[in-house]
Amino acid sequence: MSEFYLGVLASGRGSNFQSIIDHIKLKVLEKVRISILVCNNKDAYALKVAEQNGIESKFIDHRNKEREAFDREVVKVLKDHNVDLVVLAGFTRVLSSYFIDEYKHRIMNIHPALLPSFPGLHAQRQALDYGVKVSGCTVHYVESGVDIGPIILQHAVQVKEDDTEETLSDRILVFEHRIYPKAIQLHVDGRLKIEARRVKIDYSDNWEDIWEKRQRAFIEYQKYKWEREGKPLDKVL
């Protein structure tokens, strides 16, 4: 396969969408192209991100539609754009069984908690309210339900005594932007195998070392970007 086509679904700002774009531009993600962004919110900043980066986008309104009817519209667009892998980037809709069956084990999501803890909305607030000492983020394949499905990658972060929902969210987001593209590349390279609920990863032939060397370019760019936004990573982390 010369290129692997991604279809991104987003409802909001699309920061993970932007991270994937950055990984592609920096040649960290290989053999990958984003063929379409679909938004169910006409005011989503992700639509502007797509426009700024020359990526085709489509707004599909979910209001006053049955869940499956909406999903059928989205799936048609994805198929029209030859999408191989569906990537959820802050998409606030729960997918119907029809959608999941059409792209079985070809839909990924990232969640700002260490699943199965704290599924659903406001995961960072849930973690703080519960008083956990460690939180993090999880990339998983999507199955029917909210934030369930075989776990691909996780990254843990410390919860600090003075954390607010915003500061914890920022710390987790740094690593969301790093592990989501890694999971995508593992899928594209055919290195993920699902057995029951476990995702087995083939790291043979120094795959992980090679990835980490490539990703250094993104990490340096990430440091610059967060510094420019007034949030130096040495303070965030």
C-alpha atoms as a PDB file:
ATOM      1  CA  MET A   1       0.000   0.000   0.000  1.00  0.00           C
ATOM      2  CA  SER A   2       1.516   3.336  -1.049  1.00  0.00           C
ATOM      3  CA  GLU A   3      -0.625   5.476   1.267  1.00  0.00           C
ATOM      4  CA  PHE A   4      -2.956   4.701   4.141  1.00  0.00           C
ATOM      5  CA  TYR A   5      -6.010   6.949   4.248  1.00  0.00           C
ATOM      6  CA  LEU A   6      -7.283   8.356   7.527  1.00  0.00           C
ATOM      7  CA  GLY A   7     -10.742   9.754   8.124  1.00  0.00           C
ATOM      8  CA  VAL A   8     -10.840  12.040  11.158  1.00  0.00           C
ATOM      9  CA  LEU A   9     -14.037  12.734  13.115  1.00  0.00           C
ATOM     10  CA  ALA A  10     -14.066  15.772  15.399  1.00  0.00           C
ATOM     11  CA  SER A  11     -16.543  17.959  17.244  1.00  0.00           C
ATOM     12  CA  GLY A  12     -14.353  20.667  18.766  1.00  0.00           C
ATOM     13  CA  ARG A  13     -10.921  22.256  18.645  1.00  0.00           C
ATOM     14  CA  GLY A  14      -9.180  19.292  17.052  1.00  0.00           C
ATOM     15  CA  SER A  15      -5.867  19.434  18.917  1.00  0.00           C
ATOM     16  CA  ASN A  16      -5.199  15.729  18.324  1.00  0.00           C
ATOM     17  CA  PHE A  17      -6.156  16.280  14.678  1.00  0.00           C
ATOM     18  CA  GLN A  18      -3.501  19.010  14.510  1.00  0.00           C
ATOM     19  CA  SER A  19      -0.967  16.727  16.180  1.00  0.00           C
ATOM     20  CA  ILE A  20      -1.545  14.054  13.540  1.00  0.00           C
ATOM     21  CA  ILE A  21      -1.107  16.675  10.822  1.00  0.00           C
ATOM     22  CA  ASP A  22       2.151  17.809  12.434  1.00  0.00           C
ATOM     23  CA  HIS A  23       3.435  14.231  12.606  1.00  0.00           C
ATOM     24  CA  ILE A  24       2.710  13.799   8.904  1.00  0.00           C
ATOM     25  CA  LYS A  25       4.334  17.116   7.926  1.00  0.00           C
ATOM     26  CA  LEU A  26       7.434  16.294   9.974  1.00  0.00           C
ATOM     27  CA  LYS A  27       7.593  12.849   8.301  1.00  0.00           C
ATOM     28  CA  VAL A  28       7.226  11.096  11.642  1.00  0.00           C
ATOM     29  CA  LEU A  29       4.063   9.351  10.486  1.00  0.00           C
ATOM     30  CA  GLU A  30       4.867   7.480   7.285  1.00  0.00           C
ATOM     31  CA  LYS A  31       2.604   6.135   4.524  1.00  0.00           C
ATOM     32  CA  VAL A  32      -0.279   8.118   6.009  1.00  0.00           C
ATOM     33  CA  ARG A  33      -2.587  10.714   4.486  1.00  0.00           C
ATOM     34  CA  ILE A  34      -5.671  12.375   5.960  1.00  0.00           C
ATOM     35  CA  SER A  35      -8.267  12.138   3.208  1.00  0.00           C
ATOM     36  CA  ILE A  36     -11.237  13.724   5.022  1.00  0.00           C
ATOM     37  CA  LEU A  37     -12.291  15.460   8.230  1.00  0.00           C
ATOM     38  CA  VAL A  38     -15.935  15.084   9.263  1.00  0.00           C
ATOM     39  CA  CYS A  39     -17.455  17.402  11.901  1.00  0.00           C
ATOM     40  CA  ASN A  40     -20.905  17.332  13.454  1.00  0.00           C
ATOM     41  CA  ASN A  41     -20.446  20.876  14.778  1.00  0.00           C
ATOM     42  CA  LYS A  42     -20.370  23.654  12.184  1.00  0.00           C
ATOM     43  CA  ASP A  43     -18.474  25.897  14.622  1.00  0.00           C
ATOM     44  CA  ALA A  44     -15.759  23.337  15.412  1.00  0.00           C
ATOM     45  CA  TYR A  45     -12.276  24.832  15.249  1.00  0.00           C
ATOM     46  CA  ALA A  46     -11.172  21.566  13.671  1.00  0.00           C
ATOM     47  CA  LEU A  47     -12.814  22.778  10.450  1.00  0.00           C
ATOM     48  CA  LYS A  48     -10.491  25.778  10.426  1.00  0.00           C
ATOM     49  CA  VAL A  49      -7.521  23.491  11.131  1.00  0.00           C
ATOM     50  CA  ALA A  50      -8.467  21.456   8.067  1.00  0.00           C
ATOM     51  CA  GLU A  51      -8.788  24.571   5.924  1.00  0.00           C
ATOM     52  CA  GLN A  52      -5.422  25.913   7.101  1.00  0.00           C
ATOM     53  CA  ASN A  53      -3.741  22.630   6.184  1.00  0.00           C
ATOM     54  CA  GLY A  54      -5.431  21.998   2.850  1.00  0.00           C
ATOM     55  CA  ILE A  55      -7.437  19.009   4.076  1.00  0.00           C
ATOM     56  CA  GLU A  56     -10.897  18.351   2.711  1.00  0.00           C
ATOM     57  CA  SER A  57     -13.638  18.630   5.329  1.00  0.00           C
ATOM     58  CA  LYS A  58     -17.369  18.108   5.592  1.00  0.00           C
ATOM     59  CA  PHE A  59     -19.934  19.234   8.138  1.00  0.00           C
ATOM     60  CA  ILE A  60     -22.745  16.744   8.772  1.00  0.00           C
ATOM     61  CA  ASP A  61     -25.439  17.902  11.186  1.00  0.00           C
ATOM     62  CA  HIS A  62     -26.558  15.190  13.616  1.00  0.00           C
ATOM     63  CA  ARG A  63     -29.517  17.140  14.974  1.00  0.00           C
ATOM     64  CA  ASN A  64     -33.021  15.762  14.405  1.00  0.00           C
ATOM     65  CA  LYS A  65     -31.621  12.495  13.056  1.00  0.00           C
ATOM     66  CA  GLU A  66     -31.640   8.957  14.359  1.00  0.00           C
ATOM     67  CA  ARG A  67     -28.165   7.896  15.448  1.00  0.00           C
ATOM     68  CA  GLU A  68     -27.826   5.246  12.750  1.00  0.00           C
ATOM     69  CA  ALA A  69     -29.136   7.569  10.034  1.00  0.00           C
ATOM     70  CA  PHE A  70     -26.433  10.087  10.918  1.00  0.00           C
ATOM     71  CA  ASP A  71     -23.796   7.361  11.047  1.00  0.00           C
ATOM     72  CA  ARG A  72     -24.811   6.103   7.612  1.00  0.00           C
ATOM     73  CA  GLU A  73     -24.206   9.574   6.206  1.00  0.00           C
ATOM     74  CA  VAL A  74     -20.776   9.694   7.813  1.00  0.00           C
ATOM     75  CA  VAL A  75     -19.819   6.191   6.680  1.00  0.00           C
ATOM     76  CA  LYS A  76     -20.785   7.033   3.097  1.00  0.00           C
ATOM     77  CA  VAL A  77     -18.460  10.040   3.148  1.00  0.00           C
ATOM     78  CA  LEU A  78     -15.643   7.938   4.620  1.00  0.00           C
ATOM     79  CA  LYS A  79     -16.080   5.261   1.969  1.00  0.00           C
ATOM     80  CA  ASP A  80     -16.236   7.859  -0.790  1.00  0.00           C
ATOM     81  CA  HIS A  81     -12.802   8.980   0.423  1.00  0.00           C
ATOM     82  CA  ASN A  82     -11.384   5.432   0.624  1.00  0.00           C
ATOM     83  CA  VAL A  83     -10.768   5.682   4.360  1.00  0.00           C
ATOM     84  CA  ASP A  84      -8.777   2.783   5.809  1.00  0.00           C
ATOM     85  CA  LEU A  85      -8.752   3.888   9.462  1.00  0.00           C
ATOM     86  CA  VAL A  86     -11.228   6.120  11.303  1.00  0.00           C
ATOM     87  CA  VAL A  87      -9.638   8.364  13.925  1.00  0.00           C
ATOM     88  CA  LEU A  88     -11.824  10.014  16.569  1.00  0.00           C
ATOM     89  CA  ALA A  89     -10.362  13.333  17.707  1.00  0.00           C
ATOM     90  CA  GLY A  90     -12.673  14.809  20.291  1.00  0.00           C
ATOM     91  CA  PHE A  91     -15.758  13.419  18.583  1.00  0.00           C
ATOM     92  CA  THR A  92     -18.646  13.669  21.025  1.00  0.00           C
ATOM     93  CA  ARG A  93     -21.026  11.183  19.420  1.00  0.00           C
ATOM     94  CA  VAL A  94     -21.343   7.538  20.482  1.00  0.00           C
ATOM     95  CA  LEU A  95     -21.093   5.401  17.357  1.00  0.00           C
ATOM     96  CA  SER A  96     -23.878   3.007  16.433  1.00  0.00           C
ATOM     97  CA  SER A  97     -23.320  -0.720  15.975  1.00  0.00           C
ATOM     98  CA  TYR A  98     -23.800  -0.149  12.224  1.00  0.00           C
ATOM     99  CA  PHE A  99     -20.803   2.207  12.109  1.00  0.00           C
ATOM    100  CA  ILE A 100     -18.648  -0.069  14.241  1.00  0.00           C
ATOM    101  CA  ASP A 101     -19.481  -3.121  12.122  1.00  0.00           C
ATOM    102  CA  GLU A 102     -18.588  -1.227   8.935  1.00  0.00           C
ATOM    103  CA  TYR A 103     -15.124  -0.395  10.324  1.00  0.00           C
ATOM    104  CA  LYS A 104     -14.557  -3.188  12.822  1.00  0.00           C
ATOM    105  CA  HIS A 105     -11.188  -2.772  14.538  1.00  0.00           C
ATOM    106  CA  ARG A 106     -10.505   0.132  12.198  1.00  0.00           C
ATOM    107  CA  ILE A 107     -11.744   2.902  14.500  1.00  0.00           C
ATOM    108  CA  MET A 108      -9.430   4.461  17.092  1.00  0.00           C
ATOM    109  CA  ASN A 109     -10.115   6.846  19.931  1.00  0.00           C
ATOM    110  CA  ILE A 110      -8.015   8.603  22.536  1.00  0.00           C
ATOM    111  CA  HIS A 111      -9.319   9.282  26.027  1.00  0.00           C
ATOM    112  CA  PRO A 112      -7.742  11.518  28.710  1.00  0.00           C
ATOM    113  CA  ALA A 113      -7.701   8.900  31.472  1.00  0.00           C
ATOM    114  CA  LEU A 114      -6.292   5.455  32.130  1.00  0.00           C
ATOM    115  CA  LEU A 115      -9.234   3.369  31.019  1.00  0.00           C
ATOM    116  CA  PRO A 116     -11.272   1.609  32.235  1.00  0.00           C
ATOM    117  CA  SER A 117     -11.200   4.321  34.910  1.00  0.00           C
ATOM    118  CA  PHE A 118     -13.147   7.530  34.304  1.00  0.00           C
ATOM    119  CA  PRO A 119     -14.874   6.990  30.954  1.00  0.00           C
ATOM    120  CA  GLY A 120     -17.097   9.630  29.436  1.00  0.00           C
ATOM    121  CA  LEU A 121     -16.914  13.408  29.660  1.00  0.00           C
ATOM    122  CA  HIS A 122     -14.703  15.437  32.006  1.00  0.00           C
ATOM    123  CA  ALA A 123     -12.367  12.532  32.729  1.00  0.00           C
ATOM    124  CA  GLN A 124      -9.731  14.831  34.222  1.00  0.00           C
ATOM    125  CA  ARG A 125     -12.279  16.322  36.626  1.00  0.00           C
ATOM    126  CA  GLN A 126     -13.441  12.822  37.543  1.00  0.00           C
ATOM    127  CA  ALA A 127      -9.843  11.839  38.338  1.00  0.00           C
ATOM    128  CA  LEU A 128      -9.297  14.882  40.552  1.00  0.00           C
ATOM    129  CA  ASP A 129     -12.619  14.429  42.335  1.00  0.00           C
ATOM    130  CA  TYR A 130     -11.753  10.800  43.049  1.00  0.00           C
ATOM    131  CA  GLY A 131      -8.332  11.765  44.393  1.00  0.00           C
ATOM    132  CA  VAL A 132      -6.146   9.521  42.245  1.00  0.00           C
ATOM    133  CA  LYS A 133      -2.385  10.008  42.334  1.00  0.00           C
ATOM    134  CA  VAL A 134      -1.836   8.920  38.727  1.00  0.00           C
ATOM    135  CA  SER A 135      -3.865   9.631  35.621  1.00  0.00           C
ATOM    136  CA  GLY A 136      -2.993   9.610  31.928  1.00  0.00           C
ATOM    137  CA  CYS A 137      -4.350   8.829  28.488  1.00  0.00           C
ATOM    138  CA  THR A 138      -5.448   5.760  26.554  1.00  0.00           C
ATOM    139  CA  VAL A 139      -5.630   4.919  22.850  1.00  0.00           C
ATOM    140  CA  HIS A 140      -8.085   2.132  22.095  1.00  0.00           C
ATOM    141  CA  TYR A 141     -10.068   0.539  19.329  1.00  0.00           C
ATOM    142  CA  VAL A 142     -13.733   1.493  19.474  1.00  0.00           C
ATOM    143  CA  GLU A 143     -16.505  -0.955  20.249  1.00  0.00           C
ATOM    144  CA  SER A 144     -20.164  -0.409  21.144  1.00  0.00           C
ATOM    145  CA  GLY A 145     -20.386   1.645  24.321  1.00  0.00           C
ATOM    146  CA  VAL A 146     -18.611   4.642  25.826  1.00  0.00           C
ATOM    147  CA  ASP A 147     -14.808   4.515  25.914  1.00  0.00           C
ATOM    148  CA  ILE A 148     -14.566   0.756  25.778  1.00  0.00           C
ATOM    149  CA  GLY A 149     -12.710  -1.474  23.367  1.00  0.00           C
ATOM    150  CA  PRO A 150      -9.279  -3.121  23.233  1.00  0.00           C
ATOM    151  CA  ILE A 151      -6.548  -0.883  24.642  1.00  0.00           C
ATOM    152  CA  ILE A 152      -3.616  -0.184  22.328  1.00  0.00           C
ATOM    153  CA  LEU A 153      -1.394   2.255  24.243  1.00  0.00           C
ATOM    154  CA  GLN A 154      -1.490   4.098  27.557  1.00  0.00           C
ATOM    155  CA  HIS A 155       0.698   6.737  29.147  1.00  0.00           C
ATOM    156  CA  ALA A 156       0.595   7.586  32.848  1.00  0.00           C
ATOM    157  CA  VAL A 157       1.135  11.059  34.304  1.00  0.00           C
ATOM    158  CA  GLN A 158       1.496  12.177  37.902  1.00  0.00           C
ATOM    159  CA  VAL A 159      -1.356  14.079  39.512  1.00  0.00           C
ATOM    160  CA  LYS A 160       0.127  16.971  41.480  1.00  0.00           C
ATOM    161  CA  GLU A 161      -1.243  18.259  44.769  1.00  0.00           C
ATOM    162  CA  ASP A 162      -2.060  21.672  43.322  1.00  0.00           C
ATOM    163  CA  ASP A 163      -3.512  20.420  40.032  1.00  0.00           C
ATOM    164  CA  THR A 164      -6.640  21.952  38.600  1.00  0.00           C
ATOM    165  CA  GLU A 165      -8.696  20.406  35.824  1.00  0.00           C
ATOM    166  CA  GLU A 166      -6.883  22.697  33.375  1.00  0.00           C
ATOM    167  CA  THR A 167      -3.334  21.900  34.522  1.00  0.00           C
ATOM    168  CA  LEU A 168      -3.970  18.161  34.621  1.00  0.00           C
ATOM    169  CA  SER A 169      -5.635  18.328  31.195  1.00  0.00           C
ATOM    170  CA  ASP A 170      -2.593  20.109  29.763  1.00  0.00           C
ATOM    171  CA  ARG A 171      -0.159  17.555  31.199  1.00  0.00           C
ATOM    172  CA  ILE A 172      -2.172  14.678  29.784  1.00  0.00           C
ATOM    173  CA  LEU A 173      -2.606  16.430  26.432  1.00  0.00           C
ATOM    174  CA  VAL A 174       1.158  16.590  25.902  1.00  0.00           C
ATOM    175  CA  PHE A 175       1.246  12.805  25.839  1.00  0.00           C
ATOM    176  CA  GLU A 176      -2.026  12.398  23.940  1.00  0.00           C
ATOM    177  CA  HIS A 177      -0.296  14.202  21.082  1.00  0.00           C
ATOM    178  CA  ARG A 178       2.601  11.736  21.237  1.00  0.00           C
ATOM    179  CA  ILE A 179       0.954   8.348  21.668  1.00  0.00           C
ATOM    180  CA  TYR A 180      -2.000   8.722  19.297  1.00  0.00           C
ATOM    181  CA  PRO A 181       0.207   9.020  16.181  1.00  0.00           C
ATOM    182  CA  LYS A 182       2.312   6.120  17.485  1.00  0.00           C
ATOM    183  CA  ALA A 183      -0.780   3.915  17.713  1.00  0.00           C
ATOM    184  CA  ILE A 184      -1.802   4.957  14.205  1.00  0.00           C
ATOM    185  CA  GLN A 185       1.621   4.045  12.821  1.00  0.00           C
ATOM    186  CA  LEU A 186       1.530   0.676  14.575  1.00  0.00           C
ATOM    187  CA  HIS A 187      -1.833  -0.024  12.948  1.00  0.00           C
ATOM    188  CA  VAL A 188      -0.638   1.137   9.528  1.00  0.00           C
ATOM    189  CA  ASP A 189       2.461  -1.056   9.815  1.00  0.00           C
ATOM    190  CA  GLY A 190       0.345  -4.100  10.671  1.00  0.00           C
ATOM    191  CA  ARG A 191       1.907  -4.523  14.097  1.00  0.00           C
ATOM    192  CA  LEU A 192      -1.281  -4.754  16.171  1.00  0.00           C
ATOM    193  CA  LYS A 193      -3.042  -8.058  16.757  1.00  0.00           C
ATOM    194  CA  ILE A 194      -6.202  -8.386  18.825  1.00  0.00           C
ATOM    195  CA  GLU A 195      -6.640 -11.545  20.882  1.00  0.00           C
ATOM    196  CA  ALA A 196      -9.797 -11.477  22.996  1.00  0.00           C
ATOM    197  CA  ARG A 197      -9.529  -8.062  24.695  1.00  0.00           C
ATOM    198  CA  ARG A 198      -5.763  -7.810  24.480  1.00  0.00           C
ATOM    199  CA  VAL A 199      -3.906  -5.916  21.777  1.00  0.00           C
ATOM    200  CA  LYS A 200      -0.528  -7.516  21.181  1.00  0.00           C
ATOM    201  CA  ILE A 201       2.123  -5.235  19.716  1.00  0.00           C
ATOM    202  CA  ASP A 202       4.962  -6.427  17.496  1.00  0.00           C
ATOM    203  CA  TYR A 203       7.991  -4.270  18.305  1.00  0.00           C
ATOM    204  CA  SER A 204      10.448  -6.523  16.436  1.00  0.00           C
ATOM    205  CA  ASP A 205      13.209  -5.154  14.186  1.00  0.00           C
ATOM    206  CA  ASN A 206      13.768  -2.194  16.529  1.00  0.00           C
ATOM    207  CA  TRP A 207      10.420  -0.675  15.558  1.00  0.00           C
ATOM    208  CA  GLU A 208      10.069   1.311  18.773  1.00  0.00           C
ATOM    209  CA  ASP A 209      13.625   2.673  18.671  1.00  0.00           C
ATOM    210  CA  ILE A 210      13.132   3.789  15.077  1.00  0.00           C
ATOM    211  CA  TRP A 211       9.834   5.442  15.979  1.00  0.00           C
ATOM    212  CA  GLU A 212      11.318   7.295  18.942  1.00  0.00           C
ATOM    213  CA  LYS A 213      14.142   8.646  16.790  1.00  0.00           C
ATOM    214  CA  ARG A 214      11.669   9.913  14.210  1.00  0.00           C
ATOM    215  CA  GLN A 215       9.379  11.394  16.846  1.00  0.00           C
ATOM    216  CA  ARG A 216      12.144  13.541  18.316  1.00  0.00           C
ATOM    217  CA  ALA A 217      11.400  16.041  15.553  1.00  0.00           C
ATOM    218  CA  PHE A 218       7.812  16.351  16.751  1.00  0.00           C
ATOM    219  CA  ILE A 219       8.795  16.610  20.422  1.00  0.00           C
ATOM    220  CA  GLU A 220      11.127  19.502  19.626  1.00  0.00           C
ATOM    221  CA  TYR A 221       8.383  21.168  17.622  1.00  0.00           C
ATOM    222  CA  GLN A 222       5.905  20.522  20.433  1.00  0.00           C
ATOM    223  CA  LYS A 223       8.212  22.225  22.927  1.00  0.00           C
ATOM    224  CA  TYR A 224       8.467  25.266  20.659  1.00  0.00           C
ATOM    225  CA  LYS A 225       4.704  25.366  20.090  1.00  0.00           C
ATOM    226  CA  TRP A 226       3.762  25.176  23.768  1.00  0.00           C
ATOM    227  CA  GLU A 227       6.417  27.777  24.639  1.00  0.00           C
ATOM    228  CA  ARG A 228       4.932  30.106  22.020  1.00  0.00           C
ATOM    229  CA  GLU A 229       1.499  29.617  23.624  1.00  0.00           C
ATOM    230  CA  GLY A 230       2.870  30.621  27.023  1.00  0.00           C
ATOM    231  CA  LYS A 231       2.952  27.106  28.492  1.00  0.00           C
ATOM    232  CA  PRO A 232       6.592  25.917  28.615  1.00  0.00           C
ATOM    233  CA  LEU A 233       6.646  22.142  28.878  1.00  0.00           C
ATOM    234  CA  ASP A 234       9.082  22.153  31.784  1.00  0.00           C
ATOM    235  CA  LYS A 235       6.344  23.881  33.812  1.00  0.00           C
ATOM    236  CA  VAL A 236       3.421  21.907  32.376  1.00  0.00           C
ATOM    237  CA  LEU A 237       5.057  18.562  33.081  1.00  0.00           C
END
